[in-house]
């Protein structure tokens, strides 16, 4: 069942619309990734089960968890949740690296470079300047 827009109004708007690089360079919509529906998962166990048994119906369809839905949080809500802790430690493999990248995109509100870490750039690139071509001066 489609979620009630009055109860979850932020989830029916493209959360990426105000992010850097949204527009001509990147037109992805949060609604292409997640389409809200009811009911919301009531606890962590039901959410994990719904996520692991969900999927896409069609090639370009948004992901749909099975049985209950997960909430899409705004950048402000994500920052409020993370701000409750003095530190957050994420341990995992290469799959978790993608989750961390996505979390950084949401926190930084930057679709172009939000998931990229500074150590992947040289000093000039961090300042927004183009680096000289390889072998050039």
Protein backbone atom coordinates (compact mmCIF):
# COMPACT_ATOMS: atom_id res chain seq x y z
CA UNK A 1 0.00 0.00 0.00
CA UNK A 2 1.34 3.46 -0.93
CA UNK A 3 2.32 5.49 2.14
CA UNK A 4 0.14 8.33 3.40
CA UNK A 5 1.72 11.57 2.12
CA UNK A 6 0.46 13.44 5.19
CA UNK A 7 2.40 11.18 7.58
CA UNK A 8 5.61 10.98 5.54
CA UNK A 9 5.67 14.18 3.41
CA UNK A 10 9.48 14.37 3.00
CA UNK A 11 9.60 10.91 1.46
CA UNK A 12 7.51 11.96 -1.55
CA UNK A 13 9.94 14.70 -2.60
CA UNK A 14 13.23 14.16 -4.39
CA UNK A 15 15.66 14.34 -1.47
CA UNK A 16 18.54 15.04 -3.88
CA UNK A 17 17.00 18.14 -5.51
CA UNK A 18 19.02 20.57 -3.35
CA UNK A 19 22.29 18.62 -3.46
CA UNK A 20 25.40 19.85 -5.25
CA UNK A 21 25.74 18.50 -8.80
CA UNK A 22 22.02 17.71 -9.06
CA UNK A 23 20.58 18.82 -12.39
CA UNK A 24 22.29 18.63 -15.75
CA UNK A 25 25.25 16.63 -14.44
CA UNK A 26 23.24 14.22 -12.29
CA UNK A 27 19.48 13.79 -12.57
CA UNK A 28 19.00 10.85 -10.21
CA UNK A 29 16.00 11.13 -7.91
CA UNK A 30 15.67 9.58 -4.47
CA UNK A 31 12.24 8.40 -5.65
CA UNK A 32 13.98 6.25 -8.28
CA UNK A 33 15.82 4.48 -5.46
CA UNK A 34 13.04 4.16 -2.90
CA UNK A 35 9.28 4.47 -3.28
CA UNK A 36 7.61 4.86 0.16
CA UNK A 37 4.74 2.59 1.18
CA UNK A 38 3.00 1.50 4.39
CA UNK A 39 3.47 0.03 6.92
CA UNK A 40 6.83 1.12 8.30
CA UNK A 41 8.89 -1.67 9.86
CA UNK A 42 8.25 -1.67 13.59
CA UNK A 43 11.69 -2.79 14.72
CA UNK A 44 15.21 -3.59 13.56
CA UNK A 45 14.54 -7.33 13.09
CA UNK A 46 11.53 -6.75 10.82
CA UNK A 47 13.46 -4.13 8.85
CA UNK A 48 16.43 -6.46 8.28
CA UNK A 49 14.09 -9.25 7.17
CA UNK A 50 12.22 -6.89 4.82
CA UNK A 51 15.46 -5.59 3.32
CA UNK A 52 17.00 -9.02 2.78
CA UNK A 53 13.88 -10.44 1.13
CA UNK A 54 12.95 -7.37 -0.95
CA UNK A 55 14.03 -6.44 -4.44
CA UNK A 56 13.14 -4.68 -7.69
CA UNK A 57 10.20 -5.48 -9.91
CA UNK A 58 11.57 -4.55 -13.32
CA UNK A 59 14.89 -3.24 -14.54
CA UNK A 60 14.46 0.45 -13.71
CA UNK A 61 12.08 0.02 -10.77
CA UNK A 62 12.94 1.32 -7.29
CA UNK A 63 13.99 -1.15 -4.60
CA UNK A 64 11.04 -2.39 -2.52
CA UNK A 65 11.55 -4.15 0.82
CA UNK A 66 9.16 -7.06 1.47
CA UNK A 67 6.47 -6.82 4.15
CA UNK A 68 7.24 -3.42 5.62
CA UNK A 69 9.04 -0.26 4.59
CA UNK A 70 12.10 1.56 5.85
CA UNK A 71 12.03 5.28 6.45
CA UNK A 72 14.00 7.66 4.22
CA UNK A 73 15.77 10.16 6.45
CA UNK A 74 16.64 13.74 5.49
CA UNK A 75 20.20 15.03 5.91
CA UNK A 76 19.13 16.88 9.05
CA UNK A 77 17.59 13.71 10.54
CA UNK A 78 20.71 11.66 9.71
CA UNK A 79 22.92 14.27 11.38
CA UNK A 80 20.64 14.35 14.45
CA UNK A 81 20.79 10.56 14.76
CA UNK A 82 24.58 10.42 14.36
CA UNK A 83 24.95 13.41 16.71
CA UNK A 84 23.58 11.34 19.59
CA UNK A 85 26.84 9.40 19.71
CA UNK A 86 30.35 10.54 20.58
CA UNK A 87 31.69 8.27 17.83
CA UNK A 88 30.39 5.84 15.25
CA UNK A 89 32.50 2.89 14.16
CA UNK A 90 31.59 1.03 10.99
CA UNK A 91 33.35 -2.28 10.41
CA UNK A 92 32.86 -4.31 7.27
CA UNK A 93 34.00 -5.29 3.83
CA UNK A 94 33.87 -3.64 0.42
CA UNK A 95 30.05 -3.67 0.49
CA UNK A 96 30.06 -1.51 3.62
CA UNK A 97 32.41 0.89 1.83
CA UNK A 98 29.53 1.64 -0.57
CA UNK A 99 27.13 2.18 2.34
CA UNK A 100 29.61 4.60 3.94
CA UNK A 101 29.97 6.41 0.61
CA UNK A 102 26.18 6.75 0.35
CA UNK A 103 25.99 8.02 3.93
CA UNK A 104 28.66 10.63 3.13
CA UNK A 105 26.72 11.75 0.04
CA UNK A 106 23.62 12.30 2.19
CA UNK A 107 25.53 14.10 4.97
CA UNK A 108 27.50 16.31 2.56
CA UNK A 109 24.53 16.79 0.18
CA UNK A 110 26.91 16.35 -2.74
CA UNK A 111 26.06 13.88 -5.52
CA UNK A 112 29.30 14.54 -7.41
CA UNK A 113 31.97 14.14 -4.76
CA UNK A 114 30.16 13.48 -1.46
CA UNK A 115 31.20 9.83 -1.34
CA UNK A 116 34.83 10.51 -2.24
CA UNK A 117 37.46 10.86 0.45
CA UNK A 118 40.01 13.70 0.39
CA UNK A 119 42.97 11.33 0.36
CA UNK A 120 41.97 10.30 -3.18
CA UNK A 121 42.91 13.80 -4.40
CA UNK A 122 46.15 15.75 -4.49
CA UNK A 123 46.39 19.21 -2.88
CA UNK A 124 45.48 21.10 -6.10
CA UNK A 125 42.43 18.94 -6.75
CA UNK A 126 41.22 19.53 -3.18
CA UNK A 127 41.34 23.27 -3.90
CA UNK A 128 39.25 22.81 -7.04
CA UNK A 129 42.13 23.24 -9.49
CA UNK A 130 42.87 20.77 -12.24
CA UNK A 131 46.04 18.77 -11.79
CA UNK A 132 48.60 18.94 -14.60
CA UNK A 133 48.48 16.00 -17.02
CA UNK A 134 50.62 12.98 -16.11
CA UNK A 135 54.23 13.56 -17.04
CA UNK A 136 53.61 17.32 -17.47
CA UNK A 137 54.74 20.21 -15.31
